[in-house]
Amino acid sequence: MSKEITPDNFRFRHLPWLIMESAKAWNRDDPWRLSAVVAYYALLAIPGLMVIIINLVGVVWGEDIVQDRVLSQIAVAIGEDAATTIRDILRQAQEEAQDIISTIIGLGTLIFGATGVFYHMQISINHIWEIKPAPDAGFKKILIDRLLSFAFVLVIGFLLLISFVITTAIGFMVDYLRQIWPDFAVYLAIALNELVSLGVVTMLFALMYRFLPDAKIRWRTVWVGAIITALLFTLGKFLMGLYFGQANPVSMYGAAGSIVLILLWVSYSSLIFFFGAEFTFVFARRYGFGIHPKPHAWRVKKKEEVVERGSQSKKEGEADNKGSNIM
């Protein structure tokens, strides 16, 4: 009898098998459709998400500084044109309303839009992890999900604030070291900034895998999946930056090119995120951790059943036509 594999005897040589199994499961779950849905809602969420985060972090750091830092990162990732488009969207979203009713409606629209992307990411992770909310969950479940999605907007703001503080501290340290080792300080700054970015992204993915879906999952499994996803996301971000910078795939779309570019970037990033979710699911099943539904959810079995096969028989086709004529 072969020895049962447990989490304690995981080895890095198992990694190729895990990646292959994750890729197979990822392909079966139709990630292109899931990522397209998230990209669509992310585009709708940009005004609300950006306004809330900039105002939240801007209380400590200053709104103009936060907006410039965020837009500069967007420009590095997907280009100056896309950053300019997002800046224009922000300018429109931040215009003052004329009366209190318009203000309330506008605020509600921003919050609803900002939480929509996380709500649909929750639905996608549930699908990947074979989890489904119970039919009797009702409106209360929807309200809790929206509140949870809004909490993730606040989490992003908090992580962004932490990132700014750490990056500023690194800047002061590098300025000091530059006086002693000028060349070394430049490479050190690049390496430390990348590590900070990787750490923030890992934390965000870990929190999303742990709290967003309707599933109970152990932290050890969460961290494995989050680290793998963050590494793939960092690599993908670099490759997408090269591709978008050199190939210019949206030049044929003219004035709408920036919007298409944002949709492409979010879609590709979502593909990586969903692969990480598949890896987390495969890892949990393989090493005995398991992913289980919360009290208000069910585990569902994905199964396809063939109810009719297509036929190229001429006689069968003629018989069908005669039957339809009689009717």
C-alpha atoms as a PDB file:
ATOM      1  CA  MET A   1       0.000   0.000   0.000  1.00  0.00           C
ATOM      2  CA  SER A   2       1.362   3.411  -0.915  1.00  0.00           C
ATOM      3  CA  LYS A   3       1.909   5.960   1.799  1.00  0.00           C
ATOM      4  CA  GLU A   4      -0.850   8.531   2.091  1.00  0.00           C
ATOM      5  CA  ILE A   5       0.299  11.996   1.100  1.00  0.00           C
ATOM      6  CA  THR A   6      -0.292  14.615   3.787  1.00  0.00           C
ATOM      7  CA  PRO A   7       0.502  18.314   3.983  1.00  0.00           C
ATOM      8  CA  ASP A   8       3.584  17.583   6.070  1.00  0.00           C
ATOM      9  CA  ASN A   9       5.419  15.661   3.329  1.00  0.00           C
ATOM     10  CA  PHE A  10       4.829  18.033   0.423  1.00  0.00           C
ATOM     11  CA  ARG A  11       7.930  18.339  -1.752  1.00  0.00           C
ATOM     12  CA  PHE A  12       8.829  20.851  -4.420  1.00  0.00           C
ATOM     13  CA  ARG A  13       9.161  18.006  -6.915  1.00  0.00           C
ATOM     14  CA  HIS A  14       5.365  17.707  -6.713  1.00  0.00           C
ATOM     15  CA  LEU A  15       5.029  21.228  -8.119  1.00  0.00           C
ATOM     16  CA  PRO A  16       4.975  20.253 -11.855  1.00  0.00           C
ATOM     17  CA  TRP A  17       2.129  17.808 -11.213  1.00  0.00           C
ATOM     18  CA  LEU A  18       0.197  20.439  -9.251  1.00  0.00           C
ATOM     19  CA  ILE A  19       0.632  22.975 -12.023  1.00  0.00           C
ATOM     20  CA  MET A  20      -0.476  20.501 -14.708  1.00  0.00           C
ATOM     21  CA  GLU A  21      -3.570  19.455 -12.768  1.00  0.00           C
ATOM     22  CA  SER A  22      -4.390  23.089 -12.051  1.00  0.00           C
ATOM     23  CA  ALA A  23      -4.057  23.946 -15.740  1.00  0.00           C
ATOM     24  CA  LYS A  24      -6.449  21.118 -16.698  1.00  0.00           C
ATOM     25  CA  ALA A  25      -9.026  22.181 -14.120  1.00  0.00           C
ATOM     26  CA  TRP A  26      -8.553  25.849 -15.093  1.00  0.00           C
ATOM     27  CA  ASN A  27      -9.291  25.037 -18.732  1.00  0.00           C
ATOM     28  CA  ARG A  28     -12.394  23.020 -17.823  1.00  0.00           C
ATOM     29  CA  ASP A  29     -13.879  25.899 -15.817  1.00  0.00           C
ATOM     30  CA  ASP A  30     -13.952  28.248 -18.823  1.00  0.00           C
ATOM     31  CA  PRO A  31     -11.695  30.998 -17.352  1.00  0.00           C
ATOM     32  CA  TRP A  32     -12.095  33.186 -20.452  1.00  0.00           C
ATOM     33  CA  ARG A  33     -15.779  33.670 -19.752  1.00  0.00           C
ATOM     34  CA  LEU A  34     -15.171  34.284 -16.042  1.00  0.00           C
ATOM     35  CA  SER A  35     -12.416  36.813 -16.720  1.00  0.00           C
ATOM     36  CA  ALA A  36     -14.554  38.617 -19.312  1.00  0.00           C
ATOM     37  CA  VAL A  37     -17.333  39.058 -16.739  1.00  0.00           C
ATOM     38  CA  VAL A  38     -14.893  40.416 -14.151  1.00  0.00           C
ATOM     39  CA  ALA A  39     -13.317  42.759 -16.722  1.00  0.00           C
ATOM     40  CA  TYR A  40     -16.736  44.170 -17.630  1.00  0.00           C
ATOM     41  CA  TYR A  41     -17.668  44.849 -14.006  1.00  0.00           C
ATOM     42  CA  ALA A  42     -14.173  46.151 -13.256  1.00  0.00           C
ATOM     43  CA  LEU A  43     -14.619  48.782 -15.954  1.00  0.00           C
ATOM     44  CA  LEU A  44     -17.892  49.830 -14.334  1.00  0.00           C
ATOM     45  CA  ALA A  45     -16.221  49.767 -10.896  1.00  0.00           C
ATOM     46  CA  ILE A  46     -13.266  52.012 -11.791  1.00  0.00           C
ATOM     47  CA  PRO A  47     -14.900  55.362 -10.860  1.00  0.00           C
ATOM     48  CA  GLY A  48     -16.251  54.182  -7.511  1.00  0.00           C
ATOM     49  CA  LEU A  49     -13.225  52.082  -6.625  1.00  0.00           C
ATOM     50  CA  MET A  50     -10.718  54.815  -7.413  1.00  0.00           C
ATOM     51  CA  VAL A  51     -12.692  57.635  -5.753  1.00  0.00           C
ATOM     52  CA  ILE A  52     -13.194  55.665  -2.521  1.00  0.00           C
ATOM     53  CA  ILE A  53      -9.565  54.507  -2.309  1.00  0.00           C
ATOM     54  CA  ILE A  54      -8.103  57.920  -3.171  1.00  0.00           C
ATOM     55  CA  ASN A  55     -10.302  59.663  -0.615  1.00  0.00           C
ATOM     56  CA  LEU A  56      -9.593  57.017   2.018  1.00  0.00           C
ATOM     57  CA  VAL A  57      -5.806  57.031   1.660  1.00  0.00           C
ATOM     58  CA  GLY A  58      -5.818  60.749   0.864  1.00  0.00           C
ATOM     59  CA  VAL A  59      -6.951  61.520   4.416  1.00  0.00           C
ATOM     60  CA  VAL A  60      -3.459  60.531   5.547  1.00  0.00           C
ATOM     61  CA  TRP A  61      -1.344  61.055   2.445  1.00  0.00           C
ATOM     62  CA  GLY A  62      -3.110  63.775   0.470  1.00  0.00           C
ATOM     63  CA  GLU A  63      -5.543  63.104  -2.372  1.00  0.00           C
ATOM     64  CA  ASP A  64      -3.402  64.641  -5.120  1.00  0.00           C
ATOM     65  CA  ILE A  65      -0.339  62.649  -4.095  1.00  0.00           C
ATOM     66  CA  VAL A  66      -2.297  59.376  -3.912  1.00  0.00           C
ATOM     67  CA  GLN A  67      -3.970  59.980  -7.267  1.00  0.00           C
ATOM     68  CA  ASP A  68      -0.649  60.746  -8.959  1.00  0.00           C
ATOM     69  CA  ARG A  69       0.990  57.657  -7.454  1.00  0.00           C
ATOM     70  CA  VAL A  70      -1.862  55.358  -8.473  1.00  0.00           C
ATOM     71  CA  LEU A  71      -2.052  56.763 -12.002  1.00  0.00           C
ATOM     72  CA  SER A  72       1.715  56.490 -12.420  1.00  0.00           C
ATOM     73  CA  GLN A  73       1.516  52.786 -11.556  1.00  0.00           C
ATOM     74  CA  ILE A  74      -1.321  52.353 -14.050  1.00  0.00           C
ATOM     75  CA  ALA A  75       0.736  54.130 -16.699  1.00  0.00           C
ATOM     76  CA  VAL A  76       3.651  51.753 -16.095  1.00  0.00           C
ATOM     77  CA  ALA A  77       1.359  48.710 -16.327  1.00  0.00           C
ATOM     78  CA  ILE A  78      -0.842  49.546 -19.314  1.00  0.00           C
ATOM     79  CA  GLY A  79       0.392  52.817 -20.780  1.00  0.00           C
ATOM     80  CA  GLU A  80      -0.040  56.578 -20.581  1.00  0.00           C
ATOM     81  CA  ASP A  81      -3.184  56.648 -22.726  1.00  0.00           C
ATOM     82  CA  ALA A  82      -5.056  54.315 -20.381  1.00  0.00           C
ATOM     83  CA  ALA A  83      -3.873  56.322 -17.366  1.00  0.00           C
ATOM     84  CA  THR A  84      -5.125  59.518 -19.010  1.00  0.00           C
ATOM     85  CA  THR A  85      -8.515  57.910 -19.670  1.00  0.00           C
ATOM     86  CA  ILE A  86      -8.796  56.835 -16.036  1.00  0.00           C
ATOM     87  CA  ARG A  87      -7.785  60.339 -14.935  1.00  0.00           C
ATOM     88  CA  ASP A  88     -10.642  61.764 -17.033  1.00  0.00           C
ATOM     89  CA  ILE A  89     -13.075  59.222 -15.545  1.00  0.00           C
ATOM     90  CA  LEU A  90     -11.966  60.246 -12.055  1.00  0.00           C
ATOM     91  CA  ARG A  91     -12.391  63.914 -12.849  1.00  0.00           C
ATOM     92  CA  GLN A  92     -15.981  63.299 -13.915  1.00  0.00           C
ATOM     93  CA  ALA A  93     -16.726  61.114 -10.872  1.00  0.00           C
ATOM     94  CA  GLN A  94     -15.288  63.658  -8.447  1.00  0.00           C
ATOM     95  CA  GLU A  95     -17.401  66.569  -9.680  1.00  0.00           C
ATOM     96  CA  GLU A  96     -19.543  68.005  -6.934  1.00  0.00           C
ATOM     97  CA  ALA A  97     -23.269  67.274  -7.096  1.00  0.00           C
ATOM     98  CA  GLN A  98     -25.747  70.130  -7.156  1.00  0.00           C
ATOM     99  CA  ASP A  99     -27.987  69.022  -4.278  1.00  0.00           C
ATOM    100  CA  ILE A 100     -28.164  66.549  -1.429  1.00  0.00           C
ATOM    101  CA  ILE A 101     -30.343  64.064  -3.333  1.00  0.00           C
ATOM    102  CA  SER A 102     -27.877  63.938  -6.232  1.00  0.00           C
ATOM    103  CA  THR A 103     -25.041  63.504  -3.743  1.00  0.00           C
ATOM    104  CA  ILE A 104     -26.729  60.526  -2.056  1.00  0.00           C
ATOM    105  CA  ILE A 105     -27.584  58.913  -5.396  1.00  0.00           C
ATOM    106  CA  GLY A 106     -24.057  59.486  -6.668  1.00  0.00           C
ATOM    107  CA  LEU A 107     -22.484  58.024  -3.525  1.00  0.00           C
ATOM    108  CA  GLY A 108     -24.732  54.967  -3.696  1.00  0.00           C
ATOM    109  CA  THR A 109     -23.854  54.457  -7.351  1.00  0.00           C
ATOM    110  CA  LEU A 110     -20.125  54.689  -6.602  1.00  0.00           C
ATOM    111  CA  ILE A 111     -20.342  52.150  -3.767  1.00  0.00           C
ATOM    112  CA  PHE A 112     -22.508  49.762  -5.795  1.00  0.00           C
ATOM    113  CA  GLY A 113     -20.121  49.972  -8.752  1.00  0.00           C
ATOM    114  CA  ALA A 114     -17.003  49.584  -6.604  1.00  0.00           C
ATOM    115  CA  THR A 115     -18.341  46.442  -4.907  1.00  0.00           C
ATOM    116  CA  GLY A 116     -19.636  44.831  -8.110  1.00  0.00           C
ATOM    117  CA  VAL A 117     -16.275  43.504  -9.249  1.00  0.00           C
ATOM    118  CA  PHE A 118     -15.598  41.735  -5.925  1.00  0.00           C
ATOM    119  CA  TYR A 119     -19.117  40.326  -5.853  1.00  0.00           C
ATOM    120  CA  HIS A 120     -18.596  38.688  -9.231  1.00  0.00           C
ATOM    121  CA  MET A 121     -15.120  37.496  -8.288  1.00  0.00           C
ATOM    122  CA  GLN A 122     -16.791  35.750  -5.354  1.00  0.00           C
ATOM    123  CA  ILE A 123     -19.226  34.040  -7.730  1.00  0.00           C
ATOM    124  CA  SER A 124     -16.318  32.941  -9.951  1.00  0.00           C
ATOM    125  CA  ILE A 125     -14.260  31.511  -7.075  1.00  0.00           C
ATOM    126  CA  ASN A 126     -17.347  29.665  -5.821  1.00  0.00           C
ATOM    127  CA  HIS A 127     -17.704  28.144  -9.288  1.00  0.00           C
ATOM    128  CA  ILE A 128     -14.059  27.060  -9.367  1.00  0.00           C
ATOM    129  CA  TRP A 129     -14.178  25.606  -5.866  1.00  0.00           C
ATOM    130  CA  GLU A 130     -17.468  23.783  -6.539  1.00  0.00           C
ATOM    131  CA  ILE A 131     -19.377  25.842  -3.977  1.00  0.00           C
ATOM    132  CA  LYS A 132     -22.883  27.226  -4.390  1.00  0.00           C
ATOM    133  CA  PRO A 133     -24.938  29.386  -1.997  1.00  0.00           C
ATOM    134  CA  ALA A 134     -27.993  27.653  -0.590  1.00  0.00           C
ATOM    135  CA  PRO A 135     -31.213  28.579  -2.445  1.00  0.00           C
ATOM    136  CA  ASP A 136     -32.845  29.775   0.788  1.00  0.00           C
ATOM    137  CA  ALA A 137     -30.014  32.230   1.566  1.00  0.00           C
ATOM    138  CA  GLY A 138     -32.198  35.086   0.324  1.00  0.00           C
ATOM    139  CA  PHE A 139     -31.650  38.841   0.349  1.00  0.00           C
ATOM    140  CA  LYS A 140     -29.625  38.729   3.563  1.00  0.00           C
ATOM    141  CA  LYS A 141     -26.894  36.792   1.778  1.00  0.00           C
ATOM    142  CA  ILE A 142     -26.765  39.335  -1.053  1.00  0.00           C
ATOM    143  CA  LEU A 143     -26.501  42.204   1.441  1.00  0.00           C
ATOM    144  CA  ILE A 144     -23.698  40.474   3.366  1.00  0.00           C
ATOM    145  CA  ASP A 145     -21.830  39.797   0.120  1.00  0.00           C
ATOM    146  CA  ARG A 146     -22.060  43.478  -0.865  1.00  0.00           C
ATOM    147  CA  LEU A 147     -20.825  44.564   2.560  1.00  0.00           C
ATOM    148  CA  LEU A 148     -17.965  42.093   2.293  1.00  0.00           C
ATOM    149  CA  SER A 149     -17.110  43.448  -1.144  1.00  0.00           C
ATOM    150  CA  PHE A 150     -17.063  46.981   0.252  1.00  0.00           C
ATOM    151  CA  ALA A 151     -14.777  45.761   3.033  1.00  0.00           C
ATOM    152  CA  PHE A 152     -12.331  44.613   0.360  1.00  0.00           C
ATOM    153  CA  VAL A 153     -12.369  48.106  -1.133  1.00  0.00           C
ATOM    154  CA  LEU A 154     -11.308  49.386   2.292  1.00  0.00           C
ATOM    155  CA  VAL A 155      -8.684  46.646   2.557  1.00  0.00           C
ATOM    156  CA  ILE A 156      -7.176  47.745  -0.748  1.00  0.00           C
ATOM    157  CA  GLY A 157      -7.010  51.288   0.572  1.00  0.00           C
ATOM    158  CA  PHE A 158      -5.307  50.118   3.770  1.00  0.00           C
ATOM    159  CA  LEU A 159      -2.775  47.989   1.891  1.00  0.00           C
ATOM    160  CA  LEU A 160      -2.095  50.888  -0.448  1.00  0.00           C
ATOM    161  CA  LEU A 161      -1.448  53.144   2.538  1.00  0.00           C
ATOM    162  CA  ILE A 162       0.949  50.574   4.027  1.00  0.00           C
ATOM    163  CA  SER A 163       2.693  50.320   0.666  1.00  0.00           C
ATOM    164  CA  PHE A 164       3.121  54.099   0.484  1.00  0.00           C
ATOM    165  CA  VAL A 165       4.577  54.238   4.002  1.00  0.00           C
ATOM    166  CA  ILE A 166       7.045  51.413   3.338  1.00  0.00           C
ATOM    167  CA  THR A 167       8.016  52.827  -0.059  1.00  0.00           C
ATOM    168  CA  THR A 168       8.667  56.238   1.507  1.00  0.00           C
ATOM    169  CA  ALA A 169      10.833  54.660   4.193  1.00  0.00           C
ATOM    170  CA  ILE A 170      12.761  52.795   1.500  1.00  0.00           C
ATOM    171  CA  GLY A 171      13.224  56.073  -0.365  1.00  0.00           C
ATOM    172  CA  PHE A 172      14.794  57.731   2.676  1.00  0.00           C
ATOM    173  CA  MET A 173      17.095  54.754   3.236  1.00  0.00           C
ATOM    174  CA  VAL A 174      18.153  54.646  -0.409  1.00  0.00           C
ATOM    175  CA  ASP A 175      18.860  58.396  -0.418  1.00  0.00           C
ATOM    176  CA  TYR A 176      21.214  57.857   2.505  1.00  0.00           C
ATOM    177  CA  LEU A 177      22.925  54.852   0.907  1.00  0.00           C
ATOM    178  CA  ARG A 178      23.264  56.674  -2.408  1.00  0.00           C
ATOM    179  CA  GLN A 179      25.813  58.969  -0.789  1.00  0.00           C
ATOM    180  CA  ILE A 180      27.975  55.931   0.052  1.00  0.00           C
ATOM    181  CA  TRP A 181      27.252  53.399  -2.721  1.00  0.00           C
ATOM    182  CA  PRO A 182      25.503  55.207  -5.608  1.00  0.00           C
ATOM    183  CA  ASP A 183      25.203  52.256  -7.995  1.00  0.00           C
ATOM    184  CA  PHE A 184      24.262  49.744  -5.333  1.00  0.00           C
ATOM    185  CA  ALA A 185      21.527  52.022  -3.963  1.00  0.00           C
ATOM    186  CA  VAL A 186      19.690  52.070  -7.311  1.00  0.00           C
ATOM    187  CA  TYR A 187      19.531  48.274  -7.561  1.00  0.00           C
ATOM    188  CA  LEU A 188      18.600  48.014  -3.904  1.00  0.00           C
ATOM    189  CA  ALA A 189      15.701  50.436  -4.366  1.00  0.00           C
ATOM    190  CA  ILE A 190      14.361  48.468  -7.336  1.00  0.00           C
ATOM    191  CA  ALA A 191      14.628  45.145  -5.477  1.00  0.00           C
ATOM    192  CA  LEU A 192      12.994  46.444  -2.282  1.00  0.00           C
ATOM    193  CA  ASN A 193      10.149  48.112  -4.157  1.00  0.00           C
ATOM    194  CA  GLU A 194       9.442  44.870  -6.028  1.00  0.00           C
ATOM    195  CA  LEU A 195       9.453  42.925  -2.760  1.00  0.00           C
ATOM    196  CA  VAL A 196       7.028  45.391  -1.193  1.00  0.00           C
ATOM    197  CA  SER A 197       4.746  45.154  -4.220  1.00  0.00           C
ATOM    198  CA  LEU A 198       4.906  41.350  -4.118  1.00  0.00           C
ATOM    199  CA  GLY A 199       4.121  41.319  -0.399  1.00  0.00           C
ATOM    200  CA  VAL A 200       1.106  43.629  -0.786  1.00  0.00           C
ATOM    201  CA  VAL A 201      -0.291  41.602  -3.690  1.00  0.00           C
ATOM    202  CA  THR A 202       0.253  38.338  -1.786  1.00  0.00           C
ATOM    203  CA  MET A 203      -1.617  39.711   1.218  1.00  0.00           C
ATOM    204  CA  LEU A 204      -4.511  40.881  -0.963  1.00  0.00           C
ATOM    205  CA  PHE A 205      -4.808  37.512  -2.724  1.00  0.00           C
ATOM    206  CA  ALA A 206      -4.627  35.672   0.604  1.00  0.00           C
ATOM    207  CA  LEU A 207      -7.455  37.745   2.066  1.00  0.00           C
ATOM    208  CA  MET A 208      -9.551  37.253  -1.066  1.00  0.00           C
ATOM    209  CA  TYR A 209      -9.090  33.477  -1.082  1.00  0.00           C
ATOM    210  CA  ARG A 210      -9.776  33.282   2.645  1.00  0.00           C
ATOM    211  CA  PHE A 211     -12.842  35.501   3.040  1.00  0.00           C
ATOM    212  CA  LEU A 212     -14.418  36.213  -0.350  1.00  0.00           C
ATOM    213  CA  PRO A 213     -15.834  32.781  -1.371  1.00  0.00           C
ATOM    214  CA  ASP A 214     -18.564  30.894   0.507  1.00  0.00           C
ATOM    215  CA  ALA A 215     -16.017  28.327   1.648  1.00  0.00           C
ATOM    216  CA  LYS A 216     -13.963  27.396   4.685  1.00  0.00           C
ATOM    217  CA  ILE A 217     -10.267  27.034   3.914  1.00  0.00           C
ATOM    218  CA  ARG A 218      -7.196  26.798   6.118  1.00  0.00           C
ATOM    219  CA  TRP A 219      -4.657  29.599   6.217  1.00  0.00           C
ATOM    220  CA  ARG A 220      -1.831  27.263   5.238  1.00  0.00           C
ATOM    221  CA  THR A 221      -3.556  26.445   1.968  1.00  0.00           C
ATOM    222  CA  VAL A 222      -4.414  30.109   1.456  1.00  0.00           C
ATOM    223  CA  TRP A 223      -0.795  31.240   1.764  1.00  0.00           C
ATOM    224  CA  VAL A 224       0.446  28.625  -0.694  1.00  0.00           C
ATOM    225  CA  GLY A 225      -2.127  29.676  -3.276  1.00  0.00           C
ATOM    226  CA  ALA A 226      -1.596  33.392  -2.633  1.00  0.00           C
ATOM    227  CA  ILE A 227       2.181  33.206  -3.022  1.00  0.00           C
ATOM    228  CA  ILE A 228       1.948  31.214  -6.259  1.00  0.00           C
ATOM    229  CA  THR A 229      -0.686  33.619  -7.612  1.00  0.00           C
ATOM    230  CA  ALA A 230       1.326  36.690  -6.623  1.00  0.00           C
ATOM    231  CA  LEU A 231       4.461  35.358  -8.344  1.00  0.00           C
ATOM    232  CA  LEU A 232       2.504  34.574 -11.516  1.00  0.00           C
ATOM    233  CA  PHE A 233       0.755  37.963 -11.340  1.00  0.00           C
ATOM    234  CA  THR A 234       4.081  39.815 -11.006  1.00  0.00           C
ATOM    235  CA  LEU A 235       5.528  37.908 -13.952  1.00  0.00           C
ATOM    236  CA  GLY A 236       2.343  38.411 -15.964  1.00  0.00           C
ATOM    237  CA  LYS A 237       2.301  42.136 -15.207  1.00  0.00           C
ATOM    238  CA  PHE A 238       5.845  42.456 -16.539  1.00  0.00           C
ATOM    239  CA  LEU A 239       5.070  40.454 -19.698  1.00  0.00           C
ATOM    240  CA  MET A 240       1.800  42.321 -20.311  1.00  0.00           C
ATOM    241  CA  GLY A 241       3.656  45.621 -19.970  1.00  0.00           C
ATOM    242  CA  LEU A 242       6.116  44.510 -22.640  1.00  0.00           C
ATOM    243  CA  TYR A 243       3.341  43.216 -24.906  1.00  0.00           C
ATOM    244  CA  PHE A 244       1.122  46.287 -24.634  1.00  0.00           C
ATOM    245  CA  GLY A 245       4.119  48.585 -25.025  1.00  0.00           C
ATOM    246  CA  GLN A 246       5.516  46.897 -28.138  1.00  0.00           C
ATOM    247  CA  ALA A 247       2.561  45.316 -29.944  1.00  0.00           C
ATOM    248  CA  ASN A 248      -0.051  48.044 -29.341  1.00  0.00           C
ATOM    249  CA  PRO A 249      -2.937  45.567 -29.848  1.00  0.00           C
ATOM    250  CA  VAL A 250      -5.685  48.208 -29.533  1.00  0.00           C
ATOM    251  CA  SER A 251      -4.473  50.690 -32.165  1.00  0.00           C
ATOM    252  CA  MET A 252      -7.302  49.653 -34.520  1.00  0.00           C
ATOM    253  CA  TYR A 253      -9.952  50.763 -31.993  1.00  0.00           C
ATOM    254  CA  GLY A 254      -9.128  54.470 -32.245  1.00  0.00           C
ATOM    255  CA  ALA A 255     -10.604  56.624 -29.492  1.00  0.00           C
ATOM    256  CA  ALA A 256     -11.963  53.552 -27.676  1.00  0.00           C
ATOM    257  CA  GLY A 257      -8.508  51.961 -27.584  1.00  0.00           C
ATOM    258  CA  SER A 258      -7.786  52.958 -23.973  1.00  0.00           C
ATOM    259  CA  ILE A 259     -11.024  51.374 -22.740  1.00  0.00           C
ATOM    260  CA  VAL A 260     -10.283  48.188 -24.675  1.00  0.00           C
ATOM    261  CA  LEU A 261      -6.767  48.171 -23.211  1.00  0.00           C
ATOM    262  CA  ILE A 262      -8.148  48.369 -19.670  1.00  0.00           C
ATOM    263  CA  LEU A 263     -10.536  45.498 -20.420  1.00  0.00           C
ATOM    264  CA  LEU A 264      -7.700  43.389 -21.833  1.00  0.00           C
ATOM    265  CA  TRP A 265      -5.420  44.055 -18.862  1.00  0.00           C
ATOM    266  CA  VAL A 266      -8.103  43.215 -16.288  1.00  0.00           C
ATOM    267  CA  SER A 267      -9.119  40.135 -18.278  1.00  0.00           C
ATOM    268  CA  TYR A 268      -5.557  38.793 -18.483  1.00  0.00           C
ATOM    269  CA  SER A 269      -4.969  39.551 -14.807  1.00  0.00           C
ATOM    270  CA  SER A 270      -8.194  37.717 -13.930  1.00  0.00           C
ATOM    271  CA  LEU A 271      -7.001  34.672 -15.864  1.00  0.00           C
ATOM    272  CA  ILE A 272      -3.932  34.569 -13.613  1.00  0.00           C
ATOM    273  CA  PHE A 273      -6.041  35.071 -10.493  1.00  0.00           C
ATOM    274  CA  PHE A 274      -8.392  32.216 -11.445  1.00  0.00           C
ATOM    275  CA  PHE A 275      -5.442  29.941 -12.189  1.00  0.00           C
ATOM    276  CA  GLY A 276      -4.239  30.674  -8.655  1.00  0.00           C
ATOM    277  CA  ALA A 277      -7.694  29.757  -7.352  1.00  0.00           C
ATOM    278  CA  GLU A 278      -7.521  26.461  -9.264  1.00  0.00           C
ATOM    279  CA  PHE A 279      -4.043  25.793  -7.864  1.00  0.00           C
ATOM    280  CA  THR A 280      -5.324  26.451  -4.348  1.00  0.00           C
ATOM    281  CA  PHE A 281      -8.222  24.050  -4.896  1.00  0.00           C
ATOM    282  CA  VAL A 282      -6.002  21.299  -6.328  1.00  0.00           C
ATOM    283  CA  PHE A 283      -3.464  21.747  -3.525  1.00  0.00           C
ATOM    284  CA  ALA A 284      -6.184  21.539  -0.880  1.00  0.00           C
ATOM    285  CA  ARG A 285      -7.588  18.299  -2.309  1.00  0.00           C
ATOM    286  CA  ARG A 286      -4.169  16.718  -2.919  1.00  0.00           C
ATOM    287  CA  TYR A 287      -2.727  17.242   0.535  1.00  0.00           C
ATOM    288  CA  GLY A 288      -5.738  16.691   2.724  1.00  0.00           C
ATOM    289  CA  PHE A 289      -6.604  20.243   3.730  1.00  0.00           C
ATOM    290  CA  GLY A 290      -9.893  20.350   1.870  1.00  0.00           C
ATOM    291  CA  ILE A 291     -12.168  23.257   1.011  1.00  0.00           C
ATOM    292  CA  HIS A 292     -15.609  23.000   2.603  1.00  0.00           C
ATOM    293  CA  PRO A 293     -18.804  25.070   2.228  1.00  0.00           C
ATOM    294  CA  LYS A 294     -19.847  27.555   4.866  1.00  0.00           C
ATOM    295  CA  PRO A 295     -23.155  26.949   6.706  1.00  0.00           C
ATOM    296  CA  HIS A 296     -25.158  28.946   4.137  1.00  0.00           C
ATOM    297  CA  ALA A 297     -23.603  27.167   1.123  1.00  0.00           C
ATOM    298  CA  TRP A 298     -23.484  23.759  -0.553  1.00  0.00           C
ATOM    299  CA  ARG A 299     -20.826  21.733  -2.319  1.00  0.00           C
ATOM    300  CA  VAL A 300     -21.945  20.909  -5.837  1.00  0.00           C
ATOM    301  CA  LYS A 301     -20.743  18.237  -8.230  1.00  0.00           C
ATOM    302  CA  LYS A 302     -19.897  19.418 -11.722  1.00  0.00           C
ATOM    303  CA  LYS A 303     -21.303  16.929 -14.206  1.00  0.00           C
ATOM    304  CA  GLU A 304     -22.262  17.077 -17.865  1.00  0.00           C
ATOM    305  CA  GLU A 305     -24.818  14.697 -19.329  1.00  0.00           C
ATOM    306  CA  VAL A 306     -25.311  14.104 -23.033  1.00  0.00           C
ATOM    307  CA  VAL A 307     -29.048  14.166 -23.792  1.00  0.00           C
ATOM    308  CA  GLU A 308     -28.813  14.049 -27.578  1.00  0.00           C
ATOM    309  CA  ARG A 309     -26.093  13.373 -30.122  1.00  0.00           C
ATOM    310  CA  GLY A 310     -25.918  15.168 -33.433  1.00  0.00           C
ATOM    311  CA  SER A 311     -26.516  12.994 -36.511  1.00  0.00           C
ATOM    312  CA  GLN A 312     -25.385  13.344 -40.116  1.00  0.00           C
ATOM    313  CA  SER A 313     -27.843  10.713 -41.356  1.00  0.00           C
ATOM    314  CA  LYS A 314     -29.966  12.013 -44.252  1.00  0.00           C
ATOM    315  CA  LYS A 315     -32.860   9.684 -43.409  1.00  0.00           C
ATOM    316  CA  GLU A 316     -33.057  10.909 -39.820  1.00  0.00           C
ATOM    317  CA  GLY A 317     -33.080  14.482 -41.049  1.00  0.00           C
ATOM    318  CA  GLU A 318     -35.875  13.739 -43.513  1.00  0.00           C
ATOM    319  CA  ALA A 319     -37.855  11.986 -40.776  1.00  0.00           C
ATOM    320  CA  ASP A 320     -37.535  15.031 -38.537  1.00  0.00           C
ATOM    321  CA  ASN A 321     -38.708  17.285 -41.342  1.00  0.00           C
ATOM    322  CA  LYS A 322     -41.753  15.080 -42.019  1.00  0.00           C
ATOM    323  CA  GLY A 323     -42.606  15.102 -38.346  1.00  0.00           C
ATOM    324  CA  SER A 324     -42.434  18.865 -38.207  1.00  0.00           C
ATOM    325  CA  ASN A 325     -44.654  19.153 -41.302  1.00  0.00           C
ATOM    326  CA  ILE A 326     -47.308  16.936 -39.736  1.00  0.00           C
ATOM    327  CA  MET A 327     -47.323  19.107 -36.624  1.00  0.00           C
END
